[in-house]
Amino acid sequence: MPSETFGHELEMHLIALNRELWAESTGQAVQQNVVYRSTGAIASLSETLLADPDPAWRHYGVQLWAESRARSRDERILDQMDEHVRVRDLKSSDGPLTWRNWRTFEREAKGDLLDAGLQALTTRSLALGPALQARLDQTRSDYAQHGLTPAAVFAWREGLTLSGLRACLQREALAARDAFQHALHGLSTAVFGRASGAAELHALYLNLMYLTTDAIFGAAEEEVARALDQFGRAGFNLGFVPLDLVDRPRKSPGAFCFPIAIPHDVRISVRMTSRHHLVDMLYHELGHAAHFASIDPGLSFVDRYWIESGVHETFSTLFESLLGEPRFLSEELGLPARSVDALVSFAAFKRALTMTKQSATALAALDCWEEGLDWAQTEGRFRLYHRDLLGVATPQGFGRLDPFLQTVNVYPAGYVLAELRVTTWVKALRELGGEAWWRSPAAQADLRARMTAGAHAALPFEGGEA
């Protein structure tokens, strides 16, 4: 295991890089000299970990080293997206259609414009092919030098085998497929007046799927205050966490929690699409913030910073799941029965969406790393899984708009694992604290104890090897 001084030095450079990545992701000015200096230092320091006898440091070293080396290619891809993935003759209130403002366009587009917008974006995304292939080639080569792939490292850190991970994703996706496709048809019909195709699916995902329940919630300021109050009641005072709701032209779509320095500097960004979307994202991202801010500062660098998605998404998913708990919705949020029923149905749809859509992306990434697929073949698998699991035929280029598939990242598997872990965990929390477990000191203590443990959080779940 590296010395404490080494860990401090590595953390110092990672914090500096994280601050700039936060600025980039929220559409603010970036000090590129800091990015290059920090990335270079991290890559250099990571090289000393590549032969470390501790497998945690060694695996994380490979990941840090490869990600640092890929940084310049990531910037090139973003630059090419800004250059190519834009349509001057299709406009919204945010201006000409681009990959950064497509959610606004989709909210405002009428009739055939929705299909036209997606077709135009996917056609223009084909220009990204060489850059995406170059990134894939470099990443594969970097990991192969150490007998690894990103998928193998992910599975190892989650305590799984690759075969067990694949079996889990396939099992859960198939179990949710029929319910999801039925619900998708109903939601698409309610929003668009027609069954879902690729354009409707793209527009619904984390955007218009909130439309039918949006009136349940109030203004942004009111909902932010109410969410912070609920987390406070659960034992987490998160008033110190910066919450960026400003809508900047280059700000990343959606929402994310960014742990700049764990546990002392954790930030949240939300690019709002609707009131319900904001509430959904608040519970999810504040769940991340409560987790990262609760990690024991005395843990080693690797156990504070290297927490794979199946672990840290469990905490965010747990809090987000409260928005599907009838008792929480009625007693804590004071919602009437009709609103409670609508949100419970929405939560069931969103869980089925996770099990199908995130599994489709993760399975395509697994295929790539296990079978040695090139970029075009990987995107082909992505489209195949979308057709088989989501029941939607997608156009060529559709996968190039997916931020996880762009980097052939297995991260989406973590959302599936998180749903499974939450299902098991909530049963245990109810045994500890009753049906309203979120109000129970015993359940809250269990939650904090697991958060404190960082990468070693004990989060078992049912479902076989995986």
Protein backbone atom coordinates (compact mmCIF):
# COMPACT_ATOMS: atom_id res chain seq x y z
CA MET A 1 0.00 0.00 0.00
CA PRO A 2 1.40 3.46 -0.90
CA SER A 3 2.48 5.86 1.81
CA GLU A 4 0.14 8.42 3.32
CA THR A 5 2.22 11.18 1.71
CA PHE A 6 1.70 9.60 -1.71
CA GLY A 7 -2.06 9.46 -1.14
CA HIS A 8 -2.12 13.14 -0.13
CA GLU A 9 -0.19 14.16 -3.25
CA LEU A 10 -2.48 12.17 -5.54
CA GLU A 11 -5.55 13.61 -3.84
CA MET A 12 -4.23 17.17 -4.18
CA HIS A 13 -3.97 16.82 -7.96
CA LEU A 14 -7.31 15.04 -8.24
CA ILE A 15 -9.07 17.83 -6.30
CA ALA A 16 -7.51 20.46 -8.58
CA LEU A 17 -8.69 18.53 -11.64
CA ASN A 18 -12.17 17.98 -10.17
CA ARG A 19 -12.64 21.72 -9.65
CA GLU A 20 -11.99 22.34 -13.34
CA LEU A 21 -14.17 19.43 -14.44
CA TRP A 22 -16.96 20.85 -12.30
CA ALA A 23 -16.56 24.21 -14.03
CA GLU A 24 -16.57 22.54 -17.44
CA SER A 25 -19.68 20.47 -16.65
CA THR A 26 -21.59 23.46 -15.33
CA GLY A 27 -20.74 25.64 -18.34
CA GLN A 28 -18.27 27.94 -16.60
CA ALA A 29 -14.74 29.07 -17.46
CA VAL A 30 -12.09 26.37 -17.27
CA GLN A 31 -8.37 26.82 -16.56
CA GLN A 32 -7.00 24.43 -19.16
CA ASN A 33 -3.46 24.80 -17.84
CA VAL A 34 -4.65 23.38 -14.51
CA VAL A 35 -6.42 20.52 -16.30
CA TYR A 36 -3.30 19.56 -18.25
CA ARG A 37 -0.99 19.91 -15.25
CA SER A 38 -3.25 17.90 -12.95
CA THR A 39 -3.99 15.22 -15.53
CA GLY A 40 -0.29 14.77 -16.23
CA ALA A 41 0.54 14.53 -12.54
CA ILE A 42 -2.21 11.97 -11.93
CA ALA A 43 -1.04 9.86 -14.86
CA SER A 44 2.54 9.97 -13.60
CA LEU A 45 1.61 9.13 -10.01
CA SER A 46 -0.73 6.37 -11.15
CA GLU A 47 2.11 4.61 -12.95
CA THR A 48 3.71 3.85 -9.59
CA LEU A 49 0.56 1.93 -8.60
CA LEU A 50 0.48 -0.39 -11.58
CA ALA A 51 2.55 -3.09 -9.85
CA ASP A 52 1.33 -2.46 -6.29
CA PRO A 53 0.76 -5.71 -4.35
CA ASP A 54 -2.55 -4.41 -2.98
CA PRO A 55 -5.11 -5.24 -5.71
CA ALA A 56 -7.31 -2.26 -4.80
CA TRP A 57 -4.52 0.23 -5.39
CA ARG A 58 -3.30 -1.67 -8.46
CA HIS A 59 -6.73 -1.81 -10.12
CA TYR A 60 -7.48 1.80 -9.27
CA GLY A 61 -4.05 2.78 -10.54
CA VAL A 62 -4.79 1.23 -13.92
CA GLN A 63 -8.14 3.03 -14.05
CA LEU A 64 -6.68 6.41 -13.08
CA TRP A 65 -3.78 6.01 -15.48
CA ALA A 66 -6.01 5.06 -18.41
CA GLU A 67 -8.58 7.78 -17.69
CA SER A 68 -5.87 10.42 -17.45
CA ARG A 69 -4.41 9.35 -20.77
CA ALA A 70 -7.88 9.45 -22.36
CA ARG A 71 -8.56 12.99 -21.19
CA SER A 72 -7.24 14.67 -24.34
CA ARG A 73 -9.37 12.36 -26.49
CA ASP A 74 -12.43 13.16 -24.35
CA GLU A 75 -11.86 16.86 -24.99
CA ARG A 76 -11.53 16.19 -28.71
CA ILE A 77 -14.86 14.35 -28.71
CA LEU A 78 -16.57 17.24 -26.91
CA ASP A 79 -15.07 19.71 -29.37
CA GLN A 80 -16.27 17.63 -32.31
CA MET A 81 -19.74 17.35 -30.79
CA ASP A 82 -19.91 21.13 -30.50
CA GLU A 83 -18.74 21.42 -34.10
CA HIS A 84 -20.83 18.71 -35.77
CA VAL A 85 -23.82 17.79 -33.59
CA ARG A 86 -25.79 20.94 -34.28
CA VAL A 87 -28.62 21.78 -36.68
CA ARG A 88 -28.91 25.41 -37.70
CA ASP A 89 -32.29 25.14 -39.43
CA LEU A 90 -34.08 23.57 -36.42
CA LYS A 91 -34.54 25.96 -33.52
CA SER A 92 -35.97 26.24 -30.02
CA SER A 93 -36.08 29.07 -27.53
CA ASP A 94 -32.45 28.19 -26.75
CA GLY A 95 -31.43 28.80 -30.36
CA PRO A 96 -30.33 26.30 -33.06
CA LEU A 97 -30.61 22.64 -32.04
CA THR A 98 -27.43 21.15 -30.52
CA TRP A 99 -26.59 18.17 -28.36
CA ARG A 100 -26.44 20.53 -25.39
CA ASN A 101 -29.96 21.96 -25.73
CA TRP A 102 -31.90 19.06 -27.24
CA ARG A 103 -34.13 18.80 -24.17
CA THR A 104 -35.51 22.28 -24.74
CA PHE A 105 -36.08 21.50 -28.43
CA GLU A 106 -37.91 18.28 -27.55
CA ARG A 107 -40.19 20.08 -25.10
CA GLU A 108 -41.12 22.64 -27.72
CA ALA A 109 -41.12 20.57 -30.94
CA LYS A 110 -44.49 19.77 -32.48
CA GLY A 111 -45.51 16.93 -34.75
CA ASP A 112 -42.88 15.69 -37.20
CA LEU A 113 -40.25 18.14 -35.90
CA LEU A 114 -39.42 15.70 -33.09
CA ASP A 115 -38.41 12.97 -35.55
CA ALA A 116 -36.64 15.49 -37.75
CA GLY A 117 -34.57 16.75 -34.81
CA LEU A 118 -33.42 13.31 -33.71
CA GLN A 119 -32.66 12.24 -37.26
CA ALA A 120 -30.60 15.37 -37.83
CA LEU A 121 -28.63 14.93 -34.59
CA THR A 122 -27.91 11.25 -35.21
CA THR A 123 -26.87 11.90 -38.82
CA ARG A 124 -24.44 14.58 -37.72
CA SER A 125 -23.12 12.40 -34.89
CA LEU A 126 -21.68 10.00 -37.47
CA ALA A 127 -18.77 12.44 -37.83
CA LEU A 128 -17.66 11.39 -34.34
CA GLY A 129 -16.83 7.86 -35.47
CA PRO A 130 -13.03 8.16 -35.89
CA ALA A 131 -12.59 9.98 -32.56
CA LEU A 132 -14.73 7.42 -30.70
CA GLN A 133 -12.81 4.55 -32.28
CA ALA A 134 -9.48 6.16 -31.39
CA ARG A 135 -10.53 6.54 -27.76
CA LEU A 136 -11.71 2.93 -27.64
CA ASP A 137 -8.43 1.69 -29.16
CA GLN A 138 -6.33 3.64 -26.68
CA THR A 139 -8.35 2.51 -23.66
CA ARG A 140 -8.28 -1.13 -24.75
CA SER A 141 -4.51 -0.98 -25.29
CA ASP A 142 -3.86 0.72 -21.93
CA TYR A 143 -5.85 -1.84 -19.93
CA ALA A 144 -4.53 -4.78 -21.97
CA GLN A 145 -0.97 -3.96 -20.88
CA HIS A 146 -2.06 -5.08 -17.41
CA GLY A 147 -4.25 -7.99 -18.48
CA LEU A 148 -7.45 -6.07 -17.71
CA THR A 149 -10.43 -4.35 -19.28
CA PRO A 150 -12.63 -1.60 -17.81
CA ALA A 151 -15.41 -4.19 -17.44
CA ALA A 152 -13.15 -6.55 -15.48
CA VAL A 153 -12.08 -3.76 -13.12
CA PHE A 154 -15.71 -2.68 -12.60
CA ALA A 155 -16.85 -6.22 -11.80
CA TRP A 156 -13.92 -6.82 -9.46
CA ARG A 157 -14.62 -3.70 -7.44
CA GLU A 158 -18.31 -4.60 -7.20
CA GLY A 159 -17.38 -8.05 -5.94
CA LEU A 160 -18.75 -9.81 -9.02
CA THR A 161 -17.54 -12.01 -11.83
CA LEU A 162 -18.10 -10.84 -15.39
CA SER A 163 -20.39 -13.80 -16.04
CA GLY A 164 -22.32 -13.02 -12.86
CA LEU A 165 -22.70 -9.37 -13.84
CA ARG A 166 -23.91 -10.29 -17.32
CA ALA A 167 -26.38 -12.84 -15.97
CA CYS A 168 -27.76 -10.27 -13.53
CA LEU A 169 -28.29 -7.64 -16.23
CA GLN A 170 -29.93 -10.09 -18.60
CA ARG A 171 -32.19 -11.52 -15.90
CA GLU A 172 -33.39 -8.15 -14.62
CA ALA A 173 -33.88 -6.66 -18.09
CA LEU A 174 -35.95 -9.59 -19.28
CA ALA A 175 -38.02 -9.58 -16.08
CA ALA A 176 -38.86 -5.88 -16.56
CA ARG A 177 -39.22 -5.90 -20.36
CA ASP A 178 -42.95 -6.51 -20.79
CA ALA A 179 -43.99 -4.12 -18.02
CA PHE A 180 -41.69 -1.43 -19.37
CA GLN A 181 -42.85 -1.71 -22.96
CA HIS A 182 -46.49 -1.59 -21.87
CA ALA A 183 -45.88 1.46 -19.68
CA LEU A 184 -43.80 3.16 -22.39
CA HIS A 185 -46.65 2.76 -24.87
CA GLY A 186 -49.10 4.29 -22.39
CA LEU A 187 -46.83 7.21 -21.51
CA SER A 188 -45.94 7.95 -25.13
CA THR A 189 -49.61 7.89 -26.07
CA ALA A 190 -50.45 10.27 -23.21
CA VAL A 191 -47.68 12.72 -24.11
CA PHE A 192 -47.49 12.47 -27.91
CA GLY A 193 -50.73 10.77 -28.91
CA ARG A 194 -48.83 7.90 -30.52
CA ALA A 195 -46.71 4.85 -29.70
CA SER A 196 -43.06 5.38 -28.90
CA GLY A 197 -40.38 5.32 -31.55
CA ALA A 198 -36.78 6.38 -31.12
CA ALA A 199 -37.60 10.10 -31.09
CA GLU A 200 -40.31 9.67 -28.47
CA LEU A 201 -38.07 7.51 -26.28
CA HIS A 202 -35.26 10.05 -26.54
CA ALA A 203 -37.62 12.90 -25.65
CA LEU A 204 -39.25 11.07 -22.75
CA TYR A 205 -36.01 9.93 -21.08
CA LEU A 206 -35.27 12.26 -18.15
CA ASN A 207 -37.27 14.98 -19.90
CA LEU A 208 -40.88 14.66 -21.04
CA MET A 209 -41.58 11.54 -18.97
CA TYR A 210 -42.21 13.96 -16.09
CA LEU A 211 -44.85 15.91 -18.02
CA THR A 212 -47.98 14.10 -16.80
CA THR A 213 -47.04 14.49 -13.12
CA ASP A 214 -45.43 17.93 -13.23
CA ALA A 215 -48.41 19.80 -11.76
CA ILE A 216 -48.07 17.86 -8.49
CA PHE A 217 -45.06 19.96 -7.48
CA GLY A 218 -44.46 23.63 -6.78
CA ALA A 219 -41.91 26.28 -7.67
CA ALA A 220 -38.20 25.46 -7.67
CA GLU A 221 -37.37 27.47 -4.53
CA GLU A 222 -40.17 25.78 -2.61
CA GLU A 223 -39.15 22.27 -3.67
CA VAL A 224 -35.46 22.83 -2.92
CA ALA A 225 -36.32 24.02 0.59
CA ARG A 226 -38.70 21.10 1.14
CA ALA A 227 -36.15 18.52 -0.05
CA LEU A 228 -33.42 19.94 2.18
CA ASP A 229 -35.86 19.88 5.10
CA GLN A 230 -36.69 16.21 4.47
CA PHE A 231 -33.01 15.27 4.38
CA GLY A 232 -32.53 17.20 7.61
CA ARG A 233 -35.34 15.20 9.22
CA ALA A 234 -33.52 12.03 8.13
CA GLY A 235 -30.39 13.23 9.92
CA PHE A 236 -28.51 14.89 7.03
CA ASN A 237 -28.03 18.65 7.15
CA LEU A 238 -27.00 19.45 3.58
CA GLY A 239 -27.38 23.21 3.64
CA PHE A 240 -23.62 23.52 3.07
CA VAL A 241 -23.78 21.70 -0.30
CA PRO A 242 -23.65 24.13 -3.26
CA LEU A 243 -26.68 23.58 -5.50
CA ASP A 244 -26.23 25.02 -9.02
CA LEU A 245 -29.57 25.56 -10.79
CA VAL A 246 -28.33 28.23 -13.21
CA ASP A 247 -29.10 27.41 -16.86
CA ARG A 248 -25.93 28.20 -18.84
CA PRO A 249 -25.59 27.53 -22.60
CA ARG A 250 -22.69 25.06 -22.18
CA LYS A 251 -23.95 23.42 -19.00
CA SER A 252 -24.32 19.64 -19.17
CA PRO A 253 -27.92 18.44 -19.51
CA GLY A 254 -29.59 16.72 -16.59
CA ALA A 255 -28.25 16.57 -13.05
CA PHE A 256 -25.19 15.26 -11.24
CA CYS A 257 -23.46 15.29 -7.89
CA PHE A 258 -19.74 16.06 -8.05
CA PRO A 259 -17.56 15.07 -5.09
CA ILE A 260 -14.68 17.51 -5.52
CA ALA A 261 -12.90 16.56 -2.29
CA ILE A 262 -14.37 13.71 -0.25
CA PRO A 263 -15.93 14.30 2.23
CA HIS A 264 -15.49 18.08 2.56
CA ASP A 265 -16.43 19.53 -0.85
CA VAL A 266 -19.46 18.02 -2.57
CA ARG A 267 -21.54 19.92 -5.15
CA ILE A 268 -24.76 19.40 -7.11
CA SER A 269 -25.75 20.66 -10.55
CA VAL A 270 -29.24 20.49 -12.03
CA ARG A 271 -30.28 21.72 -15.45
CA MET A 272 -34.03 21.77 -14.89
CA THR A 273 -36.55 20.50 -17.40
CA SER A 274 -39.65 20.61 -15.15
CA ARG A 275 -40.73 20.78 -11.52
CA HIS A 276 -41.10 17.01 -11.14
CA HIS A 277 -37.74 16.50 -12.80
CA LEU A 278 -36.19 18.89 -10.28
CA VAL A 279 -37.70 17.04 -7.30
CA ASP A 280 -36.65 13.66 -8.69
CA MET A 281 -33.12 14.89 -9.26
CA LEU A 282 -32.96 16.59 -5.85
CA TYR A 283 -33.69 13.38 -3.97
CA HIS A 284 -31.26 11.42 -6.14
CA GLU A 285 -28.38 13.91 -6.08
CA LEU A 286 -28.85 14.93 -2.43
CA GLY A 287 -28.66 11.20 -1.67
CA HIS A 288 -25.26 11.18 -3.35
CA ALA A 289 -24.24 14.29 -1.42
CA ALA A 290 -25.32 12.81 1.93
CA HIS A 291 -23.25 9.73 1.14
CA PHE A 292 -20.06 11.41 -0.05
CA ALA A 293 -20.16 13.98 2.77
CA SER A 294 -20.56 11.21 5.36
CA ILE A 295 -17.56 9.10 4.32
CA ASP A 296 -14.98 8.76 7.07
CA PRO A 297 -12.20 11.28 6.31
CA GLY A 298 -9.73 8.92 7.97
CA LEU A 299 -10.11 6.28 5.25
CA SER A 300 -7.37 5.88 2.68
CA PHE A 301 -7.51 7.84 -0.56
CA VAL A 302 -8.57 4.80 -2.57
CA ASP A 303 -11.40 3.89 -0.16
CA ARG A 304 -12.78 7.44 -0.24
CA TYR A 305 -12.53 8.09 -3.98
CA TRP A 306 -12.84 4.72 -5.68
CA ILE A 307 -16.48 3.83 -5.11
CA GLU A 308 -18.02 2.14 -8.12
CA SER A 309 -21.49 3.07 -9.36
CA GLY A 310 -23.23 0.01 -7.94
CA VAL A 311 -22.30 1.24 -4.45
CA HIS A 312 -22.71 5.01 -4.59
CA GLU A 313 -25.83 4.81 -6.78
CA THR A 314 -27.41 2.68 -4.06
CA PHE A 315 -27.51 5.60 -1.64
CA SER A 316 -28.98 8.00 -4.20
CA THR A 317 -31.49 5.37 -5.35
CA LEU A 318 -32.57 4.75 -1.75
CA PHE A 319 -33.52 8.39 -1.22
CA GLU A 320 -35.05 8.66 -4.68
CA SER A 321 -37.19 5.61 -3.88
CA LEU A 322 -38.98 7.66 -1.21
CA LEU A 323 -40.80 9.40 -4.06
CA GLY A 324 -42.49 6.05 -4.76
CA GLU A 325 -43.36 5.30 -1.10
CA PRO A 326 -47.10 5.99 -0.55
CA ARG A 327 -46.68 6.72 3.15
CA PHE A 328 -43.80 9.14 2.60
CA LEU A 329 -45.69 10.96 -0.13
CA SER A 330 -48.85 11.34 1.92
CA GLU A 331 -47.42 11.91 5.40
CA GLU A 332 -44.19 13.78 4.69
CA LEU A 333 -45.06 15.66 1.50
CA GLY A 334 -48.77 15.99 2.28
CA LEU A 335 -49.93 14.91 -1.17
CA PRO A 336 -53.52 13.83 -1.89
CA ALA A 337 -54.33 10.22 -2.79
CA ARG A 338 -54.60 10.90 -6.52
CA SER A 339 -51.12 12.43 -6.63
CA VAL A 340 -49.72 9.60 -4.51
CA ASP A 341 -51.11 7.00 -6.91
CA ALA A 342 -49.65 8.86 -9.91
CA LEU A 343 -46.18 9.06 -8.34
CA VAL A 344 -46.20 5.42 -7.27
CA SER A 345 -47.02 4.43 -10.88
CA PHE A 346 -44.29 6.74 -12.15
CA ALA A 347 -41.75 5.18 -9.78
CA ALA A 348 -42.64 1.71 -11.08
CA PHE A 349 -42.18 2.91 -14.66
CA LYS A 350 -38.85 4.51 -13.86
CA ARG A 351 -37.56 1.34 -12.17
CA ALA A 352 -38.54 -0.71 -15.24
CA LEU A 353 -36.82 1.91 -17.41
CA THR A 354 -33.64 1.51 -15.38
CA MET A 355 -33.68 -2.27 -15.60
CA THR A 356 -34.13 -2.25 -19.38
CA LYS A 357 -32.41 0.86 -20.71
CA GLN A 358 -29.38 0.85 -18.39
CA SER A 359 -28.96 -2.90 -18.89
CA ALA A 360 -29.03 -2.40 -22.66
CA THR A 361 -26.18 0.11 -22.49
CA ALA A 362 -24.15 -1.90 -20.00
CA LEU A 363 -24.56 -5.14 -21.95
CA ALA A 364 -23.32 -3.43 -25.13
CA ALA A 365 -20.25 -2.22 -23.21
CA LEU A 366 -19.66 -5.71 -21.77
CA ASP A 367 -19.86 -7.19 -25.27
CA CYS A 368 -17.31 -4.67 -26.50
CA TRP A 369 -14.73 -5.43 -23.83
CA GLU A 370 -15.26 -9.19 -23.70
CA GLU A 371 -15.47 -9.79 -27.45
CA GLY A 372 -13.03 -7.14 -28.69
CA LEU A 373 -15.67 -5.29 -30.72
CA ASP A 374 -14.85 -2.09 -32.58
CA TRP A 375 -16.92 1.08 -32.14
CA ALA A 376 -19.39 0.38 -34.99
CA GLN A 377 -20.00 -3.17 -33.73
CA THR A 378 -20.52 -1.89 -30.19
CA GLU A 379 -23.09 0.63 -31.36
CA GLY A 380 -24.76 -2.17 -33.32
CA ARG A 381 -25.14 -4.19 -30.11
CA PHE A 382 -26.49 -1.09 -28.37
CA ARG A 383 -29.20 -0.75 -31.03
CA LEU A 384 -29.92 -4.49 -30.88
CA TYR A 385 -30.41 -4.43 -27.11
CA HIS A 386 -32.65 -1.36 -27.42
CA ARG A 387 -34.83 -3.18 -29.93
CA ASP A 388 -35.03 -6.41 -27.92
CA LEU A 389 -35.36 -4.98 -24.42
CA LEU A 390 -37.03 -1.60 -24.94
CA GLY A 391 -39.02 -2.55 -28.04
CA VAL A 392 -37.75 0.50 -29.95
CA ALA A 393 -35.80 0.54 -33.22
CA THR A 394 -33.15 3.27 -33.08
CA PRO A 395 -31.32 4.93 -36.00
CA GLN A 396 -27.64 4.59 -36.73
CA GLY A 397 -25.83 7.22 -34.70
CA PHE A 398 -28.25 6.99 -31.77
CA GLY A 399 -25.58 5.47 -29.53
CA ARG A 400 -23.16 8.30 -30.27
CA LEU A 401 -25.48 10.62 -28.35
CA ASP A 402 -25.30 8.41 -25.25
CA PRO A 403 -22.63 9.71 -22.84
CA PHE A 404 -21.94 6.25 -21.40
CA LEU A 405 -21.73 4.43 -24.72
CA GLN A 406 -19.41 7.12 -26.09
CA THR A 407 -16.75 5.93 -23.66
CA VAL A 408 -18.01 2.31 -23.67
CA ASN A 409 -18.60 2.59 -19.95
CA VAL A 410 -20.10 -0.21 -17.86
CA TYR A 411 -21.25 2.43 -15.33
CA PRO A 412 -24.99 1.99 -16.17
CA ALA A 413 -24.82 -1.51 -14.67
CA GLY A 414 -24.45 0.26 -11.34
CA TYR A 415 -27.99 1.64 -11.59
CA VAL A 416 -29.33 -1.90 -11.94
CA LEU A 417 -27.25 -3.18 -9.03
CA ALA A 418 -28.41 -0.19 -6.97
CA GLU A 419 -32.07 -1.01 -7.56
CA LEU A 420 -31.48 -4.58 -6.42
CA ARG A 421 -29.54 -3.51 -3.36
CA VAL A 422 -32.18 -0.95 -2.38
CA THR A 423 -34.93 -3.57 -2.62
CA THR A 424 -33.09 -5.77 -0.14
CA TRP A 425 -31.97 -2.89 2.06
CA VAL A 426 -35.44 -1.37 2.44
CA LYS A 427 -36.69 -4.70 3.79
CA ALA A 428 -33.97 -4.54 6.47
CA LEU A 429 -34.70 -0.87 7.22
CA ARG A 430 -38.38 -1.68 7.75
CA GLU A 431 -37.42 -4.40 10.18
CA LEU A 432 -35.30 -1.85 12.05
CA GLY A 433 -37.63 1.13 11.94
CA GLY A 434 -41.05 0.10 10.72
CA GLU A 435 -42.90 1.11 7.56
CA ALA A 436 -41.90 4.77 8.02
CA TRP A 437 -38.25 3.76 8.35
CA TRP A 438 -37.00 7.19 7.23
CA ARG A 439 -38.17 8.59 10.58
CA SER A 440 -36.54 5.86 12.67
CA PRO A 441 -33.32 6.67 14.59
CA ALA A 442 -32.29 3.02 14.27
CA ALA A 443 -32.72 3.02 10.50
CA GLN A 444 -30.97 6.37 10.21
CA ALA A 445 -28.04 5.03 12.22
CA ASP A 446 -27.80 2.02 9.91
CA LEU A 447 -27.80 4.32 6.90
CA ARG A 448 -25.05 6.56 8.30
CA ALA A 449 -22.91 3.59 9.28
CA ARG A 450 -22.97 2.24 5.74
CA MET A 451 -22.21 5.66 4.29
CA THR A 452 -19.24 6.17 6.59
CA ALA A 453 -17.59 2.98 5.32
CA GLY A 454 -16.82 4.42 1.88
CA ALA A 455 -15.83 1.75 -0.62
CA HIS A 456 -16.39 -0.95 2.00
CA ALA A 457 -20.09 -0.24 2.52
CA ALA A 458 -21.90 -3.52 3.12
CA LEU A 459 -24.77 -3.56 0.64
CA PRO A 460 -25.91 -7.15 0.06
CA PHE A 461 -28.80 -8.03 -2.22
CA GLU A 462 -30.80 -11.03 -3.29
CA GLY A 463 -30.52 -12.58 -6.69
CA GLY A 464 -27.84 -15.22 -6.99
CA GLU A 465 -24.14 -14.74 -7.64
CA ALA A 466 -24.51 -11.19 -8.88
